[in-house]
Amino acid sequence: DVRAQFGQLRWLVISSTAATAILAFALVFVLSRTLTSPINRLARSIQEIAAGNYQTRVEIQRQDELGLLATSFNQMAAQLAEAETMQQQQLASIVHELARPLTSMSVAAEVLLDDVEAGAALQCDLLAGVAEEVARLQRLVSMTERKLQRARQKLAAASAAADAETAALLAQAITRLEQRLAAARHDLGGLQ
Protein backbone atom coordinates (compact mmCIF):
# COMPACT_ATOMS: atom_id res chain seq x y z
CA ASP A 1 0.00 0.00 0.00
CA VAL A 2 2.86 2.41 0.82
CA ARG A 3 4.62 1.42 -2.36
CA ALA A 4 1.53 2.16 -4.40
CA GLN A 5 1.15 5.55 -2.75
CA PHE A 6 4.84 6.27 -3.28
CA GLY A 7 4.49 5.26 -6.94
CA GLN A 8 1.47 7.53 -7.33
CA LEU A 9 3.36 10.37 -5.62
CA ARG A 10 6.35 9.86 -7.91
CA TRP A 11 4.08 9.82 -10.99
CA LEU A 12 2.40 13.01 -9.74
CA VAL A 13 5.77 14.75 -9.21
CA ILE A 14 7.08 13.64 -12.61
CA SER A 15 3.91 14.66 -14.47
CA SER A 16 3.66 18.01 -12.67
CA THR A 17 7.37 18.69 -13.36
CA ALA A 18 6.86 17.83 -17.03
CA ALA A 19 3.73 20.01 -17.22
CA THR A 20 5.59 22.88 -15.54
CA ALA A 21 8.50 22.52 -17.95
CA ILE A 22 6.17 22.52 -20.97
CA LEU A 23 4.32 25.54 -19.58
CA ALA A 24 7.63 27.30 -18.89
CA PHE A 25 8.87 26.69 -22.44
CA ALA A 26 5.58 27.87 -23.90
CA LEU A 27 5.62 30.99 -21.73
CA VAL A 28 9.23 31.79 -22.62
CA PHE A 29 8.42 31.28 -26.31
CA VAL A 30 5.39 33.61 -26.17
CA LEU A 31 7.29 36.17 -24.10
CA SER A 32 10.28 36.12 -26.43
CA ARG A 33 8.01 36.57 -29.49
CA THR A 34 6.28 39.48 -27.75
CA LEU A 35 9.62 41.13 -27.13
CA THR A 36 11.38 40.35 -30.41
CA SER A 37 8.50 41.09 -32.79
CA PRO A 38 8.69 44.91 -32.34
CA ILE A 39 12.48 44.77 -32.65
CA ASN A 40 12.18 42.85 -35.93
CA ARG A 41 9.65 45.39 -37.28
CA LEU A 42 12.02 48.20 -36.32
CA ALA A 43 14.94 46.43 -38.01
CA ARG A 44 12.90 46.03 -41.23
CA SER A 45 12.00 49.73 -41.13
CA ILE A 46 15.65 50.68 -40.61
CA GLN A 47 16.52 48.67 -43.73
CA GLU A 48 13.77 50.52 -45.65
CA ILE A 49 15.21 53.89 -44.57
CA ALA A 50 18.71 52.74 -45.54
CA ALA A 51 17.33 51.85 -48.98
CA GLY A 52 16.01 55.41 -49.37
CA ASN A 53 12.33 54.88 -48.50
CA TYR A 54 11.96 57.83 -46.11
CA GLN A 55 8.18 57.41 -45.90
CA THR A 56 8.61 54.26 -43.79
CA ARG A 57 7.21 54.44 -40.26
CA VAL A 58 7.16 51.95 -37.39
CA GLU A 59 3.81 51.07 -35.85
CA ILE A 60 4.69 50.11 -32.30
CA GLN A 61 2.20 51.21 -29.66
CA ARG A 62 4.09 50.65 -26.43
CA GLN A 63 4.85 52.77 -23.42
CA ASP A 64 8.32 51.37 -22.75
CA GLU A 65 11.78 51.79 -24.23
CA LEU A 66 10.73 50.14 -27.49
CA GLY A 67 7.87 52.61 -27.81
CA LEU A 68 10.29 55.49 -27.21
CA LEU A 69 12.70 54.02 -29.75
CA ALA A 70 9.88 53.69 -32.31
CA THR A 71 8.80 57.29 -31.69
CA SER A 72 12.38 58.52 -32.14
CA PHE A 73 12.73 56.44 -35.29
CA ASN A 74 9.52 57.89 -36.74
CA GLN A 75 10.70 61.42 -35.96
CA MET A 76 14.03 60.72 -37.66
CA ALA A 77 12.25 59.27 -40.70
CA ALA A 78 10.01 62.36 -40.93
CA GLN A 79 13.06 64.64 -40.77
CA LEU A 80 14.78 62.64 -43.49
CA ALA A 81 11.66 62.81 -45.68
CA GLU A 82 11.47 66.56 -45.12
CA ALA A 83 15.17 66.95 -45.94
CA GLU A 84 14.69 64.97 -49.15
CA THR A 85 11.73 67.15 -50.14
CA MET A 86 13.75 70.30 -49.47
CA GLN A 87 16.63 68.91 -51.50
CA GLN A 88 14.34 68.19 -54.44
CA GLN A 89 12.90 71.71 -54.22
CA GLN A 90 16.39 73.21 -54.14
CA LEU A 91 17.44 71.14 -57.15
CA ALA A 92 14.35 72.30 -59.05
CA SER A 93 15.19 75.89 -58.14
CA ILE A 94 18.79 75.45 -59.30
CA VAL A 95 17.67 73.95 -62.61
CA HIS A 96 15.31 76.88 -63.10
CA GLU A 97 18.07 79.38 -62.28
CA LEU A 98 20.47 77.69 -64.70
CA ALA A 99 17.96 77.68 -67.55
CA ARG A 100 17.84 81.48 -67.96
CA PRO A 101 21.55 82.12 -68.56
CA LEU A 102 21.84 79.07 -70.81
CA THR A 103 18.90 80.27 -72.90
CA SER A 104 20.44 83.76 -73.20
CA MET A 105 23.80 82.36 -74.25
CA SER A 106 22.15 80.01 -76.74
CA VAL A 107 20.21 82.89 -78.36
CA ALA A 108 23.37 85.02 -78.53
CA ALA A 109 25.32 82.17 -80.16
CA GLU A 110 22.53 81.62 -82.71
CA VAL A 111 22.47 85.32 -83.62
CA LEU A 112 26.24 85.42 -83.97
CA LEU A 113 26.25 82.28 -86.12
CA ASP A 114 23.24 83.26 -88.26
CA ASP A 115 24.29 86.84 -88.83
CA VAL A 116 28.00 86.51 -89.59
CA GLU A 117 27.98 90.02 -91.00
CA ALA A 118 26.50 91.56 -87.83
CA GLY A 119 28.05 94.79 -86.87
CA ALA A 120 30.88 94.97 -84.38
CA ALA A 121 28.63 96.80 -81.91
CA LEU A 122 26.03 93.99 -81.99
CA GLN A 123 28.72 91.34 -81.64
CA CYS A 124 30.22 93.20 -78.67
CA ASP A 125 26.79 93.52 -77.03
CA LEU A 126 26.02 89.83 -77.55
CA LEU A 127 29.43 88.74 -76.25
CA ALA A 128 29.07 91.06 -73.25
CA GLY A 129 25.69 89.44 -72.55
CA VAL A 130 27.28 86.00 -72.78
CA ALA A 131 30.04 87.11 -70.40
CA GLU A 132 27.42 88.37 -67.92
CA GLU A 133 25.52 85.09 -68.10
CA VAL A 134 28.75 83.11 -67.61
CA ALA A 135 29.48 85.21 -64.51
CA ARG A 136 25.92 84.55 -63.33
CA LEU A 137 26.40 80.81 -63.83
CA GLN A 138 29.67 80.94 -61.90
CA ARG A 139 27.90 82.69 -58.98
CA LEU A 140 25.10 80.10 -59.08
CA VAL A 141 27.57 77.23 -59.07
CA SER A 142 29.55 78.79 -56.21
CA MET A 143 26.37 79.43 -54.20
CA THR A 144 25.17 75.88 -54.87
CA GLU A 145 28.50 74.42 -53.75
CA ARG A 146 28.29 76.39 -50.47
CA LYS A 147 24.70 75.23 -49.90
CA LEU A 148 25.66 71.63 -50.59
CA GLN A 149 28.61 71.86 -48.20
CA ARG A 150 26.36 73.28 -45.43
CA ALA A 151 23.76 70.61 -46.13
CA ARG A 152 26.40 67.86 -45.90
CA GLN A 153 27.65 69.28 -42.59
CA LYS A 154 24.11 69.49 -41.18
CA LEU A 155 23.31 65.99 -42.39
CA ALA A 156 26.51 64.59 -40.87
CA ALA A 157 25.80 66.29 -37.54
CA ALA A 158 22.15 65.18 -37.54
CA SER A 159 23.11 61.65 -38.54
CA ALA A 160 25.71 61.40 -35.77
CA ALA A 161 23.23 62.72 -33.20
CA ALA A 162 20.48 60.38 -34.43
CA ASP A 163 22.86 57.41 -34.45
CA ALA A 164 23.97 58.13 -30.89
CA GLU A 165 20.40 58.61 -29.66
CA THR A 166 19.16 55.50 -31.46
CA ALA A 167 22.06 53.43 -30.14
CA ALA A 168 21.42 54.61 -26.58
CA LEU A 169 17.69 53.88 -26.83
CA LEU A 170 18.34 50.50 -28.39
CA ALA A 171 20.85 49.63 -25.65
CA GLN A 172 18.30 50.63 -23.00
CA ALA A 173 15.60 48.57 -24.69
CA ILE A 174 17.84 45.52 -24.97
CA THR A 175 18.92 45.81 -21.32
CA ARG A 176 15.31 46.12 -20.20
CA LEU A 177 14.26 43.15 -22.35
CA GLU A 178 17.11 41.04 -21.00
CA GLN A 179 16.04 41.92 -17.46
CA ARG A 180 12.44 40.96 -18.22
CA LEU A 181 13.51 37.70 -19.80
CA ALA A 182 15.76 36.88 -16.84
CA ALA A 183 12.92 37.68 -14.44
CA ALA A 184 10.55 35.46 -16.42
CA ARG A 185 13.06 32.63 -16.40
CA HIS A 186 13.53 33.09 -12.65
CA ASP A 187 9.76 33.09 -12.06
CA LEU A 188 9.36 30.01 -14.21
CA GLY A 189 12.24 28.31 -12.42
CA GLY A 190 10.41 28.86 -9.14
CA LEU A 191 7.36 27.01 -10.48
CA GLN A 192 9.30 23.79 -10.91
C-alpha atoms as a PDB file:
ATOM      1  CA  ASP A   1       0.000   0.000   0.000  1.00  0.00           C
ATOM      2  CA  VAL A   2       2.855   2.411   0.819  1.00  0.00           C
ATOM      3  CA  ARG A   3       4.618   1.420  -2.359  1.00  0.00           C
ATOM      4  CA  ALA A   4       1.526   2.155  -4.404  1.00  0.00           C
ATOM      5  CA  GLN A   5       1.152   5.554  -2.753  1.00  0.00           C
ATOM      6  CA  PHE A   6       4.840   6.268  -3.278  1.00  0.00           C
ATOM      7  CA  GLY A   7       4.490   5.263  -6.942  1.00  0.00           C
ATOM      8  CA  GLN A   8       1.471   7.525  -7.334  1.00  0.00           C
ATOM      9  CA  LEU A   9       3.355  10.375  -5.623  1.00  0.00           C
ATOM     10  CA  ARG A  10       6.354   9.856  -7.906  1.00  0.00           C
ATOM     11  CA  TRP A  11       4.080   9.822 -10.989  1.00  0.00           C
ATOM     12  CA  LEU A  12       2.395  13.012  -9.736  1.00  0.00           C
ATOM     13  CA  VAL A  13       5.772  14.750  -9.213  1.00  0.00           C
ATOM     14  CA  ILE A  14       7.081  13.641 -12.607  1.00  0.00           C
ATOM     15  CA  SER A  15       3.910  14.664 -14.466  1.00  0.00           C
ATOM     16  CA  SER A  16       3.664  18.012 -12.672  1.00  0.00           C
ATOM     17  CA  THR A  17       7.369  18.692 -13.365  1.00  0.00           C
ATOM     18  CA  ALA A  18       6.864  17.835 -17.032  1.00  0.00           C
ATOM     19  CA  ALA A  19       3.730  20.006 -17.216  1.00  0.00           C
ATOM     20  CA  THR A  20       5.586  22.878 -15.541  1.00  0.00           C
ATOM     21  CA  ALA A  21       8.504  22.525 -17.953  1.00  0.00           C
ATOM     22  CA  ILE A  22       6.167  22.518 -20.970  1.00  0.00           C
ATOM     23  CA  LEU A  23       4.321  25.535 -19.579  1.00  0.00           C
ATOM     24  CA  ALA A  24       7.627  27.296 -18.892  1.00  0.00           C
ATOM     25  CA  PHE A  25       8.873  26.692 -22.442  1.00  0.00           C
ATOM     26  CA  ALA A  26       5.582  27.870 -23.899  1.00  0.00           C
ATOM     27  CA  LEU A  27       5.616  30.988 -21.727  1.00  0.00           C
ATOM     28  CA  VAL A  28       9.233  31.787 -22.620  1.00  0.00           C
ATOM     29  CA  PHE A  29       8.421  31.284 -26.311  1.00  0.00           C
ATOM     30  CA  VAL A  30       5.390  33.609 -26.171  1.00  0.00           C
ATOM     31  CA  LEU A  31       7.291  36.172 -24.098  1.00  0.00           C
ATOM     32  CA  SER A  32      10.280  36.122 -26.428  1.00  0.00           C
ATOM     33  CA  ARG A  33       8.015  36.574 -29.486  1.00  0.00           C
ATOM     34  CA  THR A  34       6.282  39.475 -27.749  1.00  0.00           C
ATOM     35  CA  LEU A  35       9.622  41.126 -27.129  1.00  0.00           C
ATOM     36  CA  THR A  36      11.378  40.348 -30.412  1.00  0.00           C
ATOM     37  CA  SER A  37       8.502  41.088 -32.787  1.00  0.00           C
ATOM     38  CA  PRO A  38       8.694  44.906 -32.339  1.00  0.00           C
ATOM     39  CA  ILE A  39      12.483  44.775 -32.653  1.00  0.00           C
ATOM     40  CA  ASN A  40      12.176  42.848 -35.926  1.00  0.00           C
ATOM     41  CA  ARG A  41       9.654  45.388 -37.276  1.00  0.00           C
ATOM     42  CA  LEU A  42      12.021  48.198 -36.317  1.00  0.00           C
ATOM     43  CA  ALA A  43      14.937  46.426 -38.009  1.00  0.00           C
ATOM     44  CA  ARG A  44      12.905  46.035 -41.234  1.00  0.00           C
ATOM     45  CA  SER A  45      12.002  49.727 -41.130  1.00  0.00           C
ATOM     46  CA  ILE A  46      15.647  50.679 -40.611  1.00  0.00           C
ATOM     47  CA  GLN A  47      16.519  48.668 -43.726  1.00  0.00           C
ATOM     48  CA  GLU A  48      13.771  50.518 -45.649  1.00  0.00           C
ATOM     49  CA  ILE A  49      15.213  53.890 -44.574  1.00  0.00           C
ATOM     50  CA  ALA A  50      18.706  52.737 -45.540  1.00  0.00           C
ATOM     51  CA  ALA A  51      17.326  51.846 -48.982  1.00  0.00           C
ATOM     52  CA  GLY A  52      16.011  55.405 -49.370  1.00  0.00           C
ATOM     53  CA  ASN A  53      12.331  54.882 -48.505  1.00  0.00           C
ATOM     54  CA  TYR A  54      11.958  57.831 -46.111  1.00  0.00           C
ATOM     55  CA  GLN A  55       8.178  57.407 -45.895  1.00  0.00           C
ATOM     56  CA  THR A  56       8.609  54.258 -43.790  1.00  0.00           C
ATOM     57  CA  ARG A  57       7.214  54.436 -40.264  1.00  0.00           C
ATOM     58  CA  VAL A  58       7.158  51.950 -37.388  1.00  0.00           C
ATOM     59  CA  GLU A  59       3.806  51.071 -35.846  1.00  0.00           C
ATOM     60  CA  ILE A  60       4.695  50.112 -32.302  1.00  0.00           C
ATOM     61  CA  GLN A  61       2.202  51.210 -29.663  1.00  0.00           C
ATOM     62  CA  ARG A  62       4.087  50.646 -26.430  1.00  0.00           C
ATOM     63  CA  GLN A  63       4.850  52.772 -23.421  1.00  0.00           C
ATOM     64  CA  ASP A  64       8.322  51.370 -22.751  1.00  0.00           C
ATOM     65  CA  GLU A  65      11.783  51.786 -24.229  1.00  0.00           C
ATOM     66  CA  LEU A  66      10.734  50.143 -27.493  1.00  0.00           C
ATOM     67  CA  GLY A  67       7.869  52.615 -27.815  1.00  0.00           C
ATOM     68  CA  LEU A  68      10.288  55.485 -27.207  1.00  0.00           C
ATOM     69  CA  LEU A  69      12.695  54.020 -29.751  1.00  0.00           C
ATOM     70  CA  ALA A  70       9.883  53.685 -32.309  1.00  0.00           C
ATOM     71  CA  THR A  71       8.800  57.287 -31.692  1.00  0.00           C
ATOM     72  CA  SER A  72      12.376  58.519 -32.140  1.00  0.00           C
ATOM     73  CA  PHE A  73      12.729  56.439 -35.293  1.00  0.00           C
ATOM     74  CA  ASN A  74       9.521  57.887 -36.744  1.00  0.00           C
ATOM     75  CA  GLN A  75      10.703  61.420 -35.965  1.00  0.00           C
ATOM     76  CA  MET A  76      14.026  60.724 -37.655  1.00  0.00           C
ATOM     77  CA  ALA A  77      12.254  59.274 -40.705  1.00  0.00           C
ATOM     78  CA  ALA A  78      10.013  62.356 -40.925  1.00  0.00           C
ATOM     79  CA  GLN A  79      13.059  64.636 -40.767  1.00  0.00           C
ATOM     80  CA  LEU A  80      14.783  62.639 -43.489  1.00  0.00           C
ATOM     81  CA  ALA A  81      11.664  62.807 -45.679  1.00  0.00           C
ATOM     82  CA  GLU A  82      11.469  66.564 -45.115  1.00  0.00           C
ATOM     83  CA  ALA A  83      15.167  66.955 -45.943  1.00  0.00           C
ATOM     84  CA  GLU A  84      14.686  64.968 -49.145  1.00  0.00           C
ATOM     85  CA  THR A  85      11.728  67.155 -50.139  1.00  0.00           C
ATOM     86  CA  MET A  86      13.750  70.298 -49.468  1.00  0.00           C
ATOM     87  CA  GLN A  87      16.631  68.909 -51.496  1.00  0.00           C
ATOM     88  CA  GLN A  88      14.336  68.189 -54.443  1.00  0.00           C
ATOM     89  CA  GLN A  89      12.898  71.711 -54.218  1.00  0.00           C
ATOM     90  CA  GLN A  90      16.394  73.209 -54.142  1.00  0.00           C
ATOM     91  CA  LEU A  91      17.440  71.143 -57.147  1.00  0.00           C
ATOM     92  CA  ALA A  92      14.352  72.301 -59.051  1.00  0.00           C
ATOM     93  CA  SER A  93      15.188  75.888 -58.140  1.00  0.00           C
ATOM     94  CA  ILE A  94      18.793  75.449 -59.302  1.00  0.00           C
ATOM     95  CA  VAL A  95      17.671  73.949 -62.612  1.00  0.00           C
ATOM     96  CA  HIS A  96      15.313  76.881 -63.104  1.00  0.00           C
ATOM     97  CA  GLU A  97      18.069  79.380 -62.283  1.00  0.00           C
ATOM     98  CA  LEU A  98      20.470  77.691 -64.704  1.00  0.00           C
ATOM     99  CA  ALA A  99      17.963  77.682 -67.552  1.00  0.00           C
ATOM    100  CA  ARG A 100      17.836  81.484 -67.963  1.00  0.00           C
ATOM    101  CA  PRO A 101      21.554  82.122 -68.561  1.00  0.00           C
ATOM    102  CA  LEU A 102      21.839  79.074 -70.806  1.00  0.00           C
ATOM    103  CA  THR A 103      18.903  80.270 -72.897  1.00  0.00           C
ATOM    104  CA  SER A 104      20.441  83.761 -73.196  1.00  0.00           C
ATOM    105  CA  MET A 105      23.796  82.357 -74.249  1.00  0.00           C
ATOM    106  CA  SER A 106      22.147  80.006 -76.743  1.00  0.00           C
ATOM    107  CA  VAL A 107      20.215  82.889 -78.358  1.00  0.00           C
ATOM    108  CA  ALA A 108      23.372  85.022 -78.527  1.00  0.00           C
ATOM    109  CA  ALA A 109      25.315  82.172 -80.155  1.00  0.00           C
ATOM    110  CA  GLU A 110      22.533  81.617 -82.707  1.00  0.00           C
ATOM    111  CA  VAL A 111      22.468  85.319 -83.625  1.00  0.00           C
ATOM    112  CA  LEU A 112      26.241  85.420 -83.967  1.00  0.00           C
ATOM    113  CA  LEU A 113      26.247  82.276 -86.121  1.00  0.00           C
ATOM    114  CA  ASP A 114      23.241  83.259 -88.258  1.00  0.00           C
ATOM    115  CA  ASP A 115      24.287  86.836 -88.830  1.00  0.00           C
ATOM    116  CA  VAL A 116      27.997  86.513 -89.586  1.00  0.00           C
ATOM    117  CA  GLU A 117      27.983  90.023 -91.001  1.00  0.00           C
ATOM    118  CA  ALA A 118      26.495  91.560 -87.829  1.00  0.00           C
ATOM    119  CA  GLY A 119      28.053  94.792 -86.868  1.00  0.00           C
ATOM    120  CA  ALA A 120      30.884  94.971 -84.380  1.00  0.00           C
ATOM    121  CA  ALA A 121      28.633  96.796 -81.915  1.00  0.00           C
ATOM    122  CA  LEU A 122      26.033  93.995 -81.988  1.00  0.00           C
ATOM    123  CA  GLN A 123      28.722  91.345 -81.636  1.00  0.00           C
ATOM    124  CA  CYS A 124      30.224  93.197 -78.673  1.00  0.00           C
ATOM    125  CA  ASP A 125      26.785  93.519 -77.034  1.00  0.00           C
ATOM    126  CA  LEU A 126      26.023  89.831 -77.545  1.00  0.00           C
ATOM    127  CA  LEU A 127      29.428  88.742 -76.252  1.00  0.00           C
ATOM    128  CA  ALA A 128      29.073  91.059 -73.248  1.00  0.00           C
ATOM    129  CA  GLY A 129      25.688  89.435 -72.549  1.00  0.00           C
ATOM    130  CA  VAL A 130      27.279  86.001 -72.784  1.00  0.00           C
ATOM    131  CA  ALA A 131      30.041  87.108 -70.404  1.00  0.00           C
ATOM    132  CA  GLU A 132      27.417  88.374 -67.923  1.00  0.00           C
ATOM    133  CA  GLU A 133      25.522  85.092 -68.103  1.00  0.00           C
ATOM    134  CA  VAL A 134      28.750  83.110 -67.610  1.00  0.00           C
ATOM    135  CA  ALA A 135      29.476  85.208 -64.514  1.00  0.00           C
ATOM    136  CA  ARG A 136      25.915  84.551 -63.326  1.00  0.00           C
ATOM    137  CA  LEU A 137      26.397  80.814 -63.834  1.00  0.00           C
ATOM    138  CA  GLN A 138      29.669  80.941 -61.898  1.00  0.00           C
ATOM    139  CA  ARG A 139      27.898  82.688 -58.984  1.00  0.00           C
ATOM    140  CA  LEU A 140      25.102  80.102 -59.077  1.00  0.00           C
ATOM    141  CA  VAL A 141      27.574  77.226 -59.071  1.00  0.00           C
ATOM    142  CA  SER A 142      29.548  78.786 -56.214  1.00  0.00           C
ATOM    143  CA  MET A 143      26.370  79.427 -54.202  1.00  0.00           C
ATOM    144  CA  THR A 144      25.174  75.882 -54.871  1.00  0.00           C
ATOM    145  CA  GLU A 145      28.504  74.424 -53.752  1.00  0.00           C
ATOM    146  CA  ARG A 146      28.293  76.391 -50.470  1.00  0.00           C
ATOM    147  CA  LYS A 147      24.705  75.232 -49.899  1.00  0.00           C
ATOM    148  CA  LEU A 148      25.662  71.628 -50.589  1.00  0.00           C
ATOM    149  CA  GLN A 149      28.607  71.859 -48.197  1.00  0.00           C
ATOM    150  CA  ARG A 150      26.361  73.283 -45.433  1.00  0.00           C
ATOM    151  CA  ALA A 151      23.756  70.613 -46.133  1.00  0.00           C
ATOM    152  CA  ARG A 152      26.396  67.865 -45.900  1.00  0.00           C
ATOM    153  CA  GLN A 153      27.645  69.280 -42.593  1.00  0.00           C
ATOM    154  CA  LYS A 154      24.109  69.494 -41.181  1.00  0.00           C
ATOM    155  CA  LEU A 155      23.310  65.992 -42.391  1.00  0.00           C
ATOM    156  CA  ALA A 156      26.508  64.589 -40.875  1.00  0.00           C
ATOM    157  CA  ALA A 157      25.796  66.292 -37.540  1.00  0.00           C
ATOM    158  CA  ALA A 158      22.150  65.184 -37.541  1.00  0.00           C
ATOM    159  CA  SER A 159      23.113  61.653 -38.541  1.00  0.00           C
ATOM    160  CA  ALA A 160      25.709  61.395 -35.771  1.00  0.00           C
ATOM    161  CA  ALA A 161      23.227  62.720 -33.196  1.00  0.00           C
ATOM    162  CA  ALA A 162      20.479  60.380 -34.428  1.00  0.00           C
ATOM    163  CA  ASP A 163      22.856  57.411 -34.454  1.00  0.00           C
ATOM    164  CA  ALA A 164      23.973  58.128 -30.893  1.00  0.00           C
ATOM    165  CA  GLU A 165      20.404  58.608 -29.661  1.00  0.00           C
ATOM    166  CA  THR A 166      19.160  55.496 -31.462  1.00  0.00           C
ATOM    167  CA  ALA A 167      22.063  53.428 -30.145  1.00  0.00           C
ATOM    168  CA  ALA A 168      21.416  54.611 -26.576  1.00  0.00           C
ATOM    169  CA  LEU A 169      17.689  53.884 -26.826  1.00  0.00           C
ATOM    170  CA  LEU A 170      18.343  50.496 -28.392  1.00  0.00           C
ATOM    171  CA  ALA A 171      20.849  49.630 -25.646  1.00  0.00           C
ATOM    172  CA  GLN A 172      18.300  50.632 -22.996  1.00  0.00           C
ATOM    173  CA  ALA A 173      15.596  48.569 -24.686  1.00  0.00           C
ATOM    174  CA  ILE A 174      17.836  45.518 -24.966  1.00  0.00           C
ATOM    175  CA  THR A 175      18.923  45.808 -21.322  1.00  0.00           C
ATOM    176  CA  ARG A 176      15.310  46.118 -20.204  1.00  0.00           C
ATOM    177  CA  LEU A 177      14.258  43.145 -22.348  1.00  0.00           C
ATOM    178  CA  GLU A 178      17.111  41.041 -21.003  1.00  0.00           C
ATOM    179  CA  GLN A 179      16.035  41.922 -17.457  1.00  0.00           C
ATOM    180  CA  ARG A 180      12.436  40.964 -18.216  1.00  0.00           C
ATOM    181  CA  LEU A 181      13.512  37.697 -19.798  1.00  0.00           C
ATOM    182  CA  ALA A 182      15.764  36.878 -16.836  1.00  0.00           C
ATOM    183  CA  ALA A 183      12.919  37.676 -14.438  1.00  0.00           C
ATOM    184  CA  ALA A 184      10.548  35.463 -16.423  1.00  0.00           C
ATOM    185  CA  ARG A 185      13.058  32.627 -16.405  1.00  0.00           C
ATOM    186  CA  HIS A 186      13.532  33.088 -12.650  1.00  0.00           C
ATOM    187  CA  ASP A 187       9.758  33.089 -12.063  1.00  0.00           C
ATOM    188  CA  LEU A 188       9.365  30.010 -14.212  1.00  0.00           C
ATOM    189  CA  GLY A 189      12.244  28.311 -12.423  1.00  0.00           C
ATOM    190  CA  GLY A 190      10.407  28.860  -9.140  1.00  0.00           C
ATOM    191  CA  LEU A 191       7.358  27.012 -10.481  1.00  0.00           C
ATOM    192  CA  GLN A 192       9.298  23.793 -10.914  1.00  0.00           C
END
